[in-house]
Amino acid sequence: MRTLSSLLAVACLLFTPVVANAAKGVVVLYKSGCSYYIVETNLGYAILEWYGGNDPSEGDVLVGDYETYGMKDIYNLTADAETKVWVEDFWLSKSRAIEKYYDKCN
């Protein structure tokens, strides 16, 4: 019986999908006329550029790999929809994120 339990535990680990580098955060700044927005996470602030799919709004909760650079598909939990973004920067302080945001959107 112990062997069966061990095999089931190993099988669960092997066949359970793992979301690598998934972060969760909230859109805190997104102004009309600019494709960039700021997401607040537990590790700081990220600047994302919208490239298609769901266009998030301030207050939306996003989940995905936006704490590494590059093009990403992330998920908007609030809208129950996917969105495509370019991760411009991440793990920023609030003041640095706002400064970089206004450099992009001014």
N, C-alpha and C. Protein backbone atom coordinates (compact mmCIF):
# COMPACT_ATOMS: atom_id res chain seq x y z
N MET A 1 0.82 -1.20 0.00
CA MET A 1 0.00 0.00 0.00
C MET A 1 0.87 1.26 0.00
N ARG A 2 1.97 1.21 0.74
CA ARG A 2 2.87 2.35 0.80
C ARG A 2 3.49 2.63 -0.58
N THR A 3 3.82 1.56 -1.31
CA THR A 3 4.39 1.70 -2.64
C THR A 3 3.38 2.34 -3.59
N LEU A 4 2.12 1.96 -3.49
CA LEU A 4 1.08 2.53 -4.33
C LEU A 4 0.93 4.03 -4.05
N SER A 5 0.96 4.42 -2.80
CA SER A 5 0.86 5.84 -2.43
C SER A 5 2.03 6.62 -2.98
N SER A 6 3.21 6.04 -2.90
CA SER A 6 4.41 6.71 -3.43
C SER A 6 4.31 6.87 -4.94
N LEU A 7 3.85 5.84 -5.64
CA LEU A 7 3.70 5.92 -7.09
C LEU A 7 2.66 6.97 -7.49
N LEU A 8 1.57 7.05 -6.75
CA LEU A 8 0.55 8.06 -7.04
C LEU A 8 1.10 9.47 -6.82
N ALA A 9 1.88 9.65 -5.78
CA ALA A 9 2.47 10.96 -5.50
C ALA A 9 3.42 11.37 -6.63
N VAL A 10 4.24 10.44 -7.08
CA VAL A 10 5.18 10.73 -8.18
C VAL A 10 4.41 11.02 -9.46
N ALA A 11 3.37 10.26 -9.74
CA ALA A 11 2.55 10.48 -10.94
C ALA A 11 1.91 11.87 -10.92
N CYS A 12 1.43 12.28 -9.76
CA CYS A 12 0.83 13.62 -9.64
C CYS A 12 1.85 14.70 -9.93
N LEU A 13 3.06 14.54 -9.43
CA LEU A 13 4.11 15.52 -9.68
C LEU A 13 4.49 15.59 -11.15
N LEU A 14 4.53 14.44 -11.80
CA LEU A 14 4.93 14.39 -13.21
C LEU A 14 3.89 14.97 -14.14
N PHE A 15 2.62 14.81 -13.81
CA PHE A 15 1.56 15.21 -14.73
C PHE A 15 0.82 16.48 -14.31
N THR A 16 1.30 17.17 -13.29
CA THR A 16 0.69 18.43 -12.87
C THR A 16 1.38 19.56 -13.61
N PRO A 17 0.62 20.39 -14.32
CA PRO A 17 1.25 21.50 -15.03
C PRO A 17 1.84 22.51 -14.05
N VAL A 18 3.00 23.03 -14.40
CA VAL A 18 3.67 24.01 -13.55
C VAL A 18 3.77 25.32 -14.33
N VAL A 19 3.36 26.41 -13.70
CA VAL A 19 3.46 27.71 -14.32
C VAL A 19 4.77 28.33 -13.83
N ALA A 20 5.77 28.35 -14.71
CA ALA A 20 7.08 28.86 -14.34
C ALA A 20 7.07 30.38 -14.34
N ASN A 21 7.66 30.94 -13.34
CA ASN A 21 7.83 32.39 -13.24
C ASN A 21 6.51 33.17 -13.29
N ALA A 22 5.42 32.59 -12.84
CA ALA A 22 4.14 33.30 -12.85
C ALA A 22 4.11 34.33 -11.74
N ALA A 23 3.80 35.55 -12.12
CA ALA A 23 3.66 36.64 -11.16
C ALA A 23 2.20 37.09 -11.17
N LYS A 24 1.80 37.72 -10.08
CA LYS A 24 0.44 38.26 -9.98
C LYS A 24 0.56 39.71 -9.57
N GLY A 25 -0.18 40.56 -10.25
CA GLY A 25 -0.12 41.98 -9.94
C GLY A 25 -1.35 42.72 -10.39
N VAL A 26 -1.37 44.02 -10.07
CA VAL A 26 -2.52 44.87 -10.37
C VAL A 26 -2.07 46.04 -11.24
N VAL A 27 -2.84 46.34 -12.27
CA VAL A 27 -2.56 47.51 -13.12
C VAL A 27 -2.85 48.76 -12.29
N VAL A 28 -1.80 49.57 -12.08
CA VAL A 28 -1.96 50.76 -11.24
C VAL A 28 -1.91 52.06 -12.03
N LEU A 29 -1.41 52.02 -13.27
CA LEU A 29 -1.37 53.23 -14.08
C LEU A 29 -1.45 52.86 -15.56
N TYR A 30 -2.46 53.39 -16.23
CA TYR A 30 -2.65 53.16 -17.66
C TYR A 30 -3.47 54.32 -18.21
N LYS A 31 -2.80 55.23 -18.89
CA LYS A 31 -3.44 56.44 -19.40
C LYS A 31 -3.83 56.27 -20.87
N SER A 32 -4.94 56.87 -21.23
CA SER A 32 -5.43 56.85 -22.60
C SER A 32 -4.38 57.46 -23.53
N GLY A 33 -4.20 56.85 -24.69
CA GLY A 33 -3.28 57.36 -25.67
C GLY A 33 -1.86 56.81 -25.55
N CYS A 34 -1.62 55.95 -24.57
CA CYS A 34 -0.30 55.36 -24.37
C CYS A 34 -0.46 53.84 -24.31
N SER A 35 0.42 53.13 -24.99
CA SER A 35 0.31 51.67 -25.01
C SER A 35 1.02 51.01 -23.83
N TYR A 36 1.72 51.81 -23.00
CA TYR A 36 2.42 51.28 -21.83
C TYR A 36 1.55 51.39 -20.59
N TYR A 37 1.76 50.47 -19.64
CA TYR A 37 1.10 50.57 -18.35
C TYR A 37 1.98 49.98 -17.26
N ILE A 38 1.65 50.30 -16.02
CA ILE A 38 2.42 49.85 -14.86
C ILE A 38 1.62 48.85 -14.07
N VAL A 39 2.28 47.75 -13.69
CA VAL A 39 1.68 46.71 -12.86
C VAL A 39 2.46 46.64 -11.54
N GLU A 40 1.74 46.66 -10.43
CA GLU A 40 2.37 46.52 -9.11
C GLU A 40 2.34 45.05 -8.70
N THR A 41 3.51 44.51 -8.30
CA THR A 41 3.63 43.13 -7.85
C THR A 41 4.24 43.11 -6.45
N ASN A 42 4.38 41.93 -5.89
CA ASN A 42 5.03 41.80 -4.58
C ASN A 42 6.50 42.18 -4.63
N LEU A 43 7.13 42.09 -5.81
CA LEU A 43 8.55 42.36 -5.94
C LEU A 43 8.85 43.75 -6.50
N GLY A 44 7.85 44.55 -6.72
CA GLY A 44 8.04 45.89 -7.26
C GLY A 44 7.06 46.19 -8.37
N TYR A 45 7.48 47.05 -9.28
CA TYR A 45 6.62 47.50 -10.37
C TYR A 45 7.19 47.07 -11.71
N ALA A 46 6.30 46.71 -12.63
CA ALA A 46 6.69 46.32 -13.99
C ALA A 46 6.07 47.29 -14.98
N ILE A 47 6.81 47.57 -16.04
CA ILE A 47 6.28 48.39 -17.14
C ILE A 47 6.06 47.46 -18.33
N LEU A 48 4.81 47.40 -18.77
CA LEU A 48 4.42 46.52 -19.87
C LEU A 48 3.89 47.36 -21.03
N GLU A 49 4.15 46.90 -22.24
CA GLU A 49 3.58 47.54 -23.43
C GLU A 49 2.57 46.59 -24.04
N TRP A 50 1.35 47.08 -24.25
CA TRP A 50 0.26 46.27 -24.78
C TRP A 50 0.48 46.02 -26.27
N TYR A 51 0.34 44.74 -26.69
CA TYR A 51 0.52 44.36 -28.09
C TYR A 51 -0.66 43.63 -28.69
N GLY A 52 -1.73 43.46 -27.95
CA GLY A 52 -2.90 42.81 -28.51
C GLY A 52 -3.64 41.98 -27.50
N GLY A 53 -4.78 41.48 -27.92
CA GLY A 53 -5.62 40.73 -27.00
C GLY A 53 -6.38 41.69 -26.10
N ASN A 54 -6.70 41.22 -24.92
CA ASN A 54 -7.43 42.05 -23.96
C ASN A 54 -6.63 43.30 -23.62
N ASP A 55 -7.29 44.44 -23.65
CA ASP A 55 -6.66 45.71 -23.27
C ASP A 55 -7.05 45.98 -21.82
N PRO A 56 -6.12 45.78 -20.87
CA PRO A 56 -6.49 45.90 -19.45
C PRO A 56 -6.80 47.33 -19.03
N SER A 57 -7.42 47.44 -17.88
CA SER A 57 -7.76 48.73 -17.28
C SER A 57 -7.12 48.82 -15.90
N GLU A 58 -7.02 50.03 -15.39
CA GLU A 58 -6.50 50.20 -14.03
C GLU A 58 -7.36 49.39 -13.07
N GLY A 59 -6.71 48.67 -12.16
CA GLY A 59 -7.41 47.82 -11.20
C GLY A 59 -7.49 46.36 -11.60
N ASP A 60 -7.22 46.06 -12.88
CA ASP A 60 -7.27 44.66 -13.34
C ASP A 60 -6.12 43.86 -12.73
N VAL A 61 -6.40 42.59 -12.43
CA VAL A 61 -5.40 41.68 -11.87
C VAL A 61 -4.84 40.82 -13.01
N LEU A 62 -3.51 40.84 -13.17
CA LEU A 62 -2.84 40.11 -14.23
C LEU A 62 -1.95 39.02 -13.65
N VAL A 63 -1.87 37.88 -14.37
CA VAL A 63 -1.01 36.77 -13.97
C VAL A 63 -0.21 36.34 -15.18
N GLY A 64 1.09 36.11 -14.97
CA GLY A 64 1.93 35.62 -16.06
C GLY A 64 3.39 35.90 -15.81
N ASP A 65 4.18 35.64 -16.82
CA ASP A 65 5.62 35.81 -16.73
C ASP A 65 5.99 37.21 -17.20
N TYR A 66 5.71 38.21 -16.38
CA TYR A 66 6.09 39.57 -16.72
C TYR A 66 7.18 40.08 -15.79
N GLU A 67 7.96 39.16 -15.25
CA GLU A 67 9.12 39.54 -14.46
C GLU A 67 10.40 39.00 -15.12
N THR A 68 10.34 38.89 -16.45
CA THR A 68 11.50 38.66 -17.31
C THR A 68 11.23 39.47 -18.58
N TYR A 69 12.29 39.87 -19.28
CA TYR A 69 12.14 40.72 -20.46
C TYR A 69 11.59 39.95 -21.65
N GLY A 70 10.93 40.68 -22.54
CA GLY A 70 10.52 40.11 -23.80
C GLY A 70 9.02 40.08 -24.03
N MET A 71 8.64 39.48 -25.15
CA MET A 71 7.24 39.34 -25.54
C MET A 71 6.61 38.20 -24.75
N LYS A 72 5.44 38.45 -24.15
CA LYS A 72 4.79 37.47 -23.29
C LYS A 72 3.29 37.45 -23.54
N ASP A 73 2.70 36.29 -23.34
CA ASP A 73 1.25 36.15 -23.26
C ASP A 73 0.92 36.03 -21.79
N ILE A 74 0.11 36.95 -21.28
CA ILE A 74 -0.27 36.92 -19.87
C ILE A 74 -1.79 36.86 -19.78
N TYR A 75 -2.30 36.66 -18.57
CA TYR A 75 -3.73 36.45 -18.39
C TYR A 75 -4.31 37.52 -17.48
N ASN A 76 -5.40 38.13 -17.92
CA ASN A 76 -6.13 39.12 -17.13
C ASN A 76 -7.23 38.38 -16.38
N LEU A 77 -7.03 38.17 -15.07
CA LEU A 77 -8.03 37.46 -14.26
C LEU A 77 -9.34 38.23 -14.18
N THR A 78 -9.26 39.55 -14.12
CA THR A 78 -10.46 40.39 -13.99
C THR A 78 -11.36 40.24 -15.21
N ALA A 79 -10.76 40.27 -16.39
CA ALA A 79 -11.53 40.19 -17.64
C ALA A 79 -11.68 38.76 -18.15
N ASP A 80 -10.99 37.80 -17.52
CA ASP A 80 -11.00 36.41 -17.95
C ASP A 80 -10.58 36.30 -19.43
N ALA A 81 -9.42 36.93 -19.73
CA ALA A 81 -8.96 36.97 -21.12
C ALA A 81 -7.44 37.09 -21.17
N GLU A 82 -6.85 36.66 -22.30
CA GLU A 82 -5.41 36.77 -22.50
C GLU A 82 -5.06 38.09 -23.15
N THR A 83 -3.83 38.51 -22.91
CA THR A 83 -3.29 39.72 -23.53
C THR A 83 -1.83 39.48 -23.88
N LYS A 84 -1.36 40.14 -24.90
CA LYS A 84 0.04 40.02 -25.33
C LYS A 84 0.75 41.32 -24.95
N VAL A 85 1.93 41.19 -24.32
CA VAL A 85 2.67 42.35 -23.87
C VAL A 85 4.16 42.21 -24.17
N TRP A 86 4.83 43.34 -24.23
CA TRP A 86 6.29 43.40 -24.22
C TRP A 86 6.67 43.87 -22.82
N VAL A 87 7.49 43.09 -22.12
CA VAL A 87 7.94 43.48 -20.79
C VAL A 87 9.13 44.41 -20.97
N GLU A 88 8.90 45.68 -20.71
CA GLU A 88 9.93 46.71 -20.86
C GLU A 88 10.90 46.69 -19.68
N ASP A 89 10.36 46.57 -18.46
CA ASP A 89 11.19 46.54 -17.26
C ASP A 89 10.37 45.97 -16.11
N PHE A 90 11.05 45.55 -15.05
CA PHE A 90 10.37 44.94 -13.91
C PHE A 90 11.21 45.11 -12.65
N TRP A 91 10.61 44.80 -11.51
CA TRP A 91 11.24 44.93 -10.18
C TRP A 91 11.71 46.36 -9.91
N LEU A 92 10.95 47.32 -10.39
CA LEU A 92 11.30 48.72 -10.20
C LEU A 92 10.68 49.27 -8.93
N SER A 93 11.29 50.34 -8.39
CA SER A 93 10.65 51.07 -7.30
C SER A 93 9.49 51.86 -7.90
N LYS A 94 8.60 52.32 -7.06
CA LYS A 94 7.45 53.09 -7.54
C LYS A 94 7.91 54.35 -8.28
N SER A 95 8.85 55.08 -7.69
CA SER A 95 9.30 56.33 -8.31
C SER A 95 10.02 56.07 -9.64
N ARG A 96 10.82 55.03 -9.72
CA ARG A 96 11.54 54.71 -10.96
C ARG A 96 10.56 54.26 -12.05
N ALA A 97 9.55 53.49 -11.66
CA ALA A 97 8.54 53.03 -12.63
C ALA A 97 7.77 54.22 -13.20
N ILE A 98 7.39 55.15 -12.36
CA ILE A 98 6.66 56.34 -12.83
C ILE A 98 7.54 57.18 -13.75
N GLU A 99 8.80 57.35 -13.38
CA GLU A 99 9.74 58.10 -14.21
C GLU A 99 9.89 57.47 -15.59
N LYS A 100 10.10 56.16 -15.64
CA LYS A 100 10.25 55.46 -16.93
C LYS A 100 8.95 55.50 -17.73
N TYR A 101 7.81 55.37 -17.04
CA TYR A 101 6.51 55.42 -17.70
C TYR A 101 6.33 56.76 -18.42
N TYR A 102 6.60 57.85 -17.73
CA TYR A 102 6.40 59.16 -18.33
C TYR A 102 7.43 59.46 -19.42
N ASP A 103 8.60 58.81 -19.37
CA ASP A 103 9.55 58.93 -20.48
C ASP A 103 8.96 58.30 -21.74
N LYS A 104 8.22 57.20 -21.58
CA LYS A 104 7.61 56.50 -22.71
C LYS A 104 6.34 57.18 -23.20
N CYS A 105 5.59 57.77 -22.28
CA CYS A 105 4.23 58.26 -22.60
C CYS A 105 4.10 59.76 -22.57
N ASN A 106 5.16 60.48 -22.74
CA ASN A 106 5.07 61.93 -22.69
C ASN A 106 5.09 62.54 -24.05
